[in-house]
């Protein structure tokens, strides 16, 4: 059973003591491909170094995370564009809107997302969207920008059936992570009505570890726990879930 972790911060500081071991555990668990979202200028070096050391397993994105859209965000976006012009990346991201931590920066976040949607179209790359407490605000901007060429994923999706339908109509995939294993995560009300062709699997490590590791550091080797939960909710074989979601990720990110 081969799996793709479509969203993992494996380059993060939390993995500094044992990153190579964590990547080896991932391979042993069948997770042969890991797509890494960028955060801001401070994360680029570690992310690209991880990719360079594990070029068959780790693939970098380039973008600006909404929680890091600060007063100097134009400078950050200039750096994102500069990197996109210099070398290939799997996607633009992660980007989007986050209204959980700070609602006062909404206008700034919207502008940063508009720019990155434009970059995704310019470089013909998928875009990876973070939408915490802001699905509607994010989807509205995607809808305005959609010209038939935009594609990507609503990462860490835990929304309503209506939101899932809207994302799919926009031509996007849904990234399913550890929340699907949580007792009150809500995935049991959404996933059974969705086809496998719309789904990607992700850990978002080191965050959102699936049950029974909830509250601890997450890592890519836990992805099979999410795959088994998705299989259970869709009443499918886990091998079918692994095959379909890996195929979806490889097609989306052109891995």
Protein backbone atom coordinates (compact mmCIF):
# COMPACT_ATOMS: atom_id res chain seq x y z
CA UNK A 1 0.00 0.00 0.00
CA UNK A 2 1.63 3.23 -1.22
CA UNK A 3 0.45 6.57 0.15
CA UNK A 4 1.07 10.24 -0.58
CA UNK A 5 1.08 12.80 2.24
CA UNK A 6 -0.17 15.82 0.32
CA UNK A 7 0.54 18.35 3.09
CA UNK A 8 3.34 17.92 5.64
CA UNK A 9 5.66 20.39 7.37
CA UNK A 10 8.32 17.69 7.77
CA UNK A 11 11.02 20.38 7.53
CA UNK A 12 9.70 22.08 10.69
CA UNK A 13 11.80 22.71 13.78
CA UNK A 14 9.87 19.98 15.66
CA UNK A 15 11.58 17.38 13.43
CA UNK A 16 15.11 18.73 13.82
CA UNK A 17 16.19 15.95 16.25
CA UNK A 18 14.92 13.04 14.12
CA UNK A 19 13.83 14.19 10.65
CA UNK A 20 15.68 11.41 8.80
CA UNK A 21 14.24 8.80 11.16
CA UNK A 22 10.74 10.23 10.69
CA UNK A 23 11.14 10.04 6.92
CA UNK A 24 12.37 6.46 7.19
CA UNK A 25 9.36 5.57 9.35
CA UNK A 26 7.17 7.12 6.67
CA UNK A 27 8.66 4.89 3.97
CA UNK A 28 8.20 1.83 6.19
CA UNK A 29 4.54 2.86 6.58
CA UNK A 30 4.15 3.11 2.79
CA UNK A 31 4.29 6.92 2.60
CA UNK A 32 6.68 7.28 -0.32
CA UNK A 33 5.74 10.83 -1.38
CA UNK A 34 5.45 13.95 0.79
CA UNK A 35 4.43 17.41 -0.45
CA UNK A 36 5.69 20.26 1.72
CA UNK A 37 3.87 23.62 2.03
CA UNK A 38 5.87 26.76 2.66
CA UNK A 39 5.08 29.24 5.46
CA UNK A 40 7.10 32.44 4.80
CA UNK A 41 10.70 33.51 4.15
CA UNK A 42 11.91 31.91 7.38
CA UNK A 43 10.87 28.38 6.34
CA UNK A 44 12.29 28.29 2.80
CA UNK A 45 15.85 27.20 3.61
CA UNK A 46 14.82 24.27 5.81
CA UNK A 47 12.16 23.16 3.32
CA UNK A 48 14.49 23.24 0.32
CA UNK A 49 17.27 21.55 2.29
CA UNK A 50 14.87 18.73 3.22
CA UNK A 51 13.88 18.38 -0.43
CA UNK A 52 17.53 18.33 -1.55
CA UNK A 53 18.38 15.61 0.97
CA UNK A 54 15.32 13.48 0.06
CA UNK A 55 14.61 14.30 -3.61
CA UNK A 56 12.68 11.10 -4.33
CA UNK A 57 10.34 11.54 -1.35
CA UNK A 58 9.91 15.27 -0.56
CA UNK A 59 8.55 17.95 -2.89
CA UNK A 60 8.35 21.66 -2.05
CA UNK A 61 5.60 24.23 -2.64
CA UNK A 62 6.13 27.99 -2.55
CA UNK A 63 3.71 30.43 -0.95
CA UNK A 64 2.84 32.66 2.00
CA UNK A 65 0.71 31.26 4.84
CA UNK A 66 -2.24 33.52 5.79
CA UNK A 67 -1.18 33.67 9.44
CA UNK A 68 2.09 35.22 8.26
CA UNK A 69 0.52 37.97 6.13
CA UNK A 70 2.05 40.80 8.16
CA UNK A 71 2.57 44.48 7.39
CA UNK A 72 5.46 43.66 5.06
CA UNK A 73 3.51 41.00 3.14
CA UNK A 74 4.27 42.62 -0.23
CA UNK A 75 7.96 41.87 0.36
CA UNK A 76 7.11 38.27 1.23
CA UNK A 77 5.03 37.91 -1.95
CA UNK A 78 7.86 39.35 -4.03
CA UNK A 79 10.09 36.61 -2.63
CA UNK A 80 7.47 33.96 -3.43
CA UNK A 81 7.27 35.17 -7.02
CA UNK A 82 11.05 35.33 -7.31
CA UNK A 83 11.36 31.69 -6.22
CA UNK A 84 8.55 30.58 -8.56
CA UNK A 85 10.44 32.15 -11.47
CA UNK A 86 13.70 30.38 -10.59
CA UNK A 87 12.86 26.68 -10.30
CA UNK A 88 9.98 24.16 -10.37
CA UNK A 89 7.64 23.74 -7.40
CA UNK A 90 4.80 21.28 -6.80
CA UNK A 91 2.28 24.05 -6.03
CA UNK A 92 1.64 27.58 -4.82
CA UNK A 93 1.00 27.36 -1.11
CA UNK A 94 0.09 27.14 1.46
CA UNK A 95 -1.99 30.28 1.24
CA UNK A 96 -5.57 31.33 1.91
CA UNK A 97 -7.44 33.03 4.73
CA UNK A 98 -7.38 32.33 8.48
CA UNK A 99 -9.92 34.12 10.67
CA UNK A 100 -9.39 31.92 13.72
CA UNK A 101 -6.42 33.87 15.09
CA UNK A 102 -6.96 37.40 13.79
CA UNK A 103 -9.98 38.86 11.99
CA UNK A 104 -8.46 42.35 11.75
CA UNK A 105 -6.08 41.34 8.94
CA UNK A 106 -8.80 40.08 6.59
CA UNK A 107 -8.27 42.73 3.88
CA UNK A 108 -4.53 42.06 3.88
CA UNK A 109 -5.07 38.31 3.70
CA UNK A 110 -7.52 38.73 0.82
CA UNK A 111 -4.99 40.77 -1.15
CA UNK A 112 -2.24 38.22 -0.51
CA UNK A 113 -4.53 35.41 -1.68
CA UNK A 114 -5.52 37.30 -4.85
CA UNK A 115 -1.85 37.69 -5.73
CA UNK A 116 -1.13 34.00 -5.13
CA UNK A 117 -4.17 32.90 -7.14
CA UNK A 118 -2.76 35.00 -9.98
CA UNK A 119 0.66 33.41 -9.56
CA UNK A 120 -0.86 29.92 -9.67
CA UNK A 121 -2.45 30.77 -13.01
CA UNK A 122 0.68 32.45 -14.33
CA UNK A 123 2.91 29.47 -13.49
CA UNK A 124 0.20 26.88 -14.25
CA UNK A 125 0.51 25.37 -10.78
CA UNK A 126 -2.10 24.03 -8.38
CA UNK A 127 -2.83 26.16 -5.31
CA UNK A 128 -3.08 24.81 -1.76
CA UNK A 129 -5.66 26.64 0.36
CA UNK A 130 -5.79 27.13 4.12
CA UNK A 131 -9.31 28.14 5.18
CA UNK A 132 -9.56 28.05 8.97
CA UNK A 133 -12.84 29.70 9.97
CA UNK A 134 -12.83 31.26 6.50
CA UNK A 135 -14.10 28.77 3.93
CA UNK A 136 -16.62 31.17 2.41
CA UNK A 137 -14.19 34.09 2.24
CA UNK A 138 -11.59 31.90 0.54
CA UNK A 139 -14.01 30.21 -1.85
CA UNK A 140 -15.41 33.61 -2.91
CA UNK A 141 -11.97 34.74 -4.07
CA UNK A 142 -11.29 31.42 -5.81
CA UNK A 143 -14.62 31.74 -7.60
CA UNK A 144 -13.73 35.26 -8.78
CA UNK A 145 -10.33 34.08 -10.04
CA UNK A 146 -11.49 30.81 -11.63
CA UNK A 147 -11.09 31.03 -15.39
CA UNK A 148 -11.08 27.29 -16.00
CA UNK A 149 -7.35 26.90 -15.39
CA UNK A 150 -7.21 27.13 -11.58
CA UNK A 151 -6.89 23.84 -9.73
CA UNK A 152 -5.79 22.84 -6.29
CA UNK A 153 -6.90 21.59 -2.89
CA UNK A 154 -8.81 22.93 0.10
CA UNK A 155 -6.39 21.53 2.66
CA UNK A 156 -7.46 20.26 6.09
CA UNK A 157 -11.07 20.15 4.90
CA UNK A 158 -13.58 19.62 7.71
CA UNK A 159 -16.51 21.63 6.41
CA UNK A 160 -20.14 20.94 5.58
CA UNK A 161 -21.53 18.87 2.68
CA UNK A 162 -22.49 22.17 1.00
CA UNK A 163 -18.92 23.48 1.33
CA UNK A 164 -17.54 20.22 -0.05
CA UNK A 165 -19.89 20.51 -3.03
CA UNK A 166 -18.83 24.10 -3.64
CA UNK A 167 -15.11 23.23 -3.55
CA UNK A 168 -15.63 20.36 -5.98
CA UNK A 169 -17.67 22.56 -8.34
CA UNK A 170 -14.75 25.01 -8.34
CA UNK A 171 -12.58 22.15 -9.64
CA UNK A 172 -10.71 21.57 -6.39
CA UNK A 173 -9.81 18.52 -4.31
CA UNK A 174 -10.38 18.15 -0.57
CA UNK A 175 -7.45 17.39 1.72
CA UNK A 176 -8.48 14.96 4.47
CA UNK A 177 -6.33 14.73 7.59
CA UNK A 178 -6.31 13.74 11.23
CA UNK A 179 -9.58 15.56 12.00
CA UNK A 180 -11.36 12.70 10.18
CA UNK A 181 -10.37 10.42 13.06
CA UNK A 182 -11.69 12.74 15.78
CA UNK A 183 -14.91 11.72 17.51
CA UNK A 184 -16.63 15.05 16.78
CA UNK A 185 -14.62 15.95 13.68
CA UNK A 186 -17.70 15.91 11.46
CA UNK A 187 -16.17 13.88 8.62
CA UNK A 188 -18.73 11.12 9.16
CA UNK A 189 -21.40 13.55 7.93
CA UNK A 190 -19.51 14.60 4.79
CA UNK A 191 -17.16 11.92 3.49
CA UNK A 192 -19.69 9.11 2.86
CA UNK A 193 -21.34 11.19 0.12
CA UNK A 194 -18.05 11.99 -1.67
CA UNK A 195 -16.27 10.04 -4.37
CA UNK A 196 -12.63 9.07 -3.95
CA UNK A 197 -11.75 11.07 -7.06
CA UNK A 198 -12.19 14.27 -5.01
CA UNK A 199 -9.93 13.39 -2.08
CA UNK A 200 -6.29 13.72 -1.04
CA UNK A 201 -4.81 12.44 2.22
CA UNK A 202 -2.59 14.62 4.41
CA UNK A 203 -1.13 14.78 7.90
CA UNK A 204 -0.38 18.53 8.20
CA UNK A 205 2.39 17.34 10.52
CA UNK A 206 3.54 18.26 13.10
CA UNK A 207 -0.05 19.39 13.78
CA UNK A 208 -3.40 17.55 14.05
CA UNK A 209 -2.17 14.06 14.84
CA UNK A 210 -4.84 11.40 14.26
CA UNK A 211 -6.29 9.23 17.00
CA UNK A 212 -4.69 7.50 18.96
CA UNK A 213 -1.85 10.07 18.80
CA UNK A 214 -4.07 13.14 19.17
CA UNK A 215 -2.33 15.94 21.03
CA UNK A 216 1.15 14.62 20.23
CA UNK A 217 3.51 15.51 17.39
CA UNK A 218 2.09 14.30 14.10
CA UNK A 219 4.28 12.71 11.41
CA UNK A 220 3.81 11.21 7.92
CA UNK A 221 4.01 7.61 9.18
CA UNK A 222 0.59 8.18 10.78
CA UNK A 223 -1.05 8.67 7.37
CA UNK A 224 -2.29 5.02 7.22
CA UNK A 225 -4.48 5.78 10.26
CA UNK A 226 -6.24 8.48 8.22
CA UNK A 227 -6.47 6.19 5.18
CA UNK A 228 -8.14 3.48 7.27
CA UNK A 229 -10.65 5.99 8.68
CA UNK A 230 -11.53 7.29 5.20
CA UNK A 231 -11.92 3.70 3.99
CA UNK A 232 -14.23 2.96 6.92
CA UNK A 233 -16.40 6.03 6.22
CA UNK A 234 -16.59 5.34 2.48
CA UNK A 235 -17.03 1.59 3.00
CA UNK A 236 -14.07 0.89 0.70
CA UNK A 237 -10.93 -1.22 0.96
CA UNK A 238 -8.05 0.80 2.37
CA UNK A 239 -5.90 -0.27 -0.61
CA UNK A 240 -8.45 1.37 -2.93
CA UNK A 241 -8.33 4.57 -0.87
CA UNK A 242 -4.52 4.58 -0.95
CA UNK A 243 -4.38 3.97 -4.69
CA UNK A 244 -7.00 6.61 -5.58
CA UNK A 245 -5.70 9.37 -3.30
CA UNK A 246 -2.11 8.79 -4.38
CA UNK A 247 -3.17 8.93 -8.03
CA UNK A 248 -5.10 12.16 -7.33
CA UNK A 249 -2.08 13.76 -5.65
CA UNK A 250 0.35 12.74 -8.38
CA UNK A 251 -1.96 14.07 -11.09
CA UNK A 252 -2.64 17.35 -9.23
CA UNK A 253 0.97 18.10 -8.32
CA UNK A 254 2.44 16.47 -11.46
CA UNK A 255 4.83 14.41 -9.35
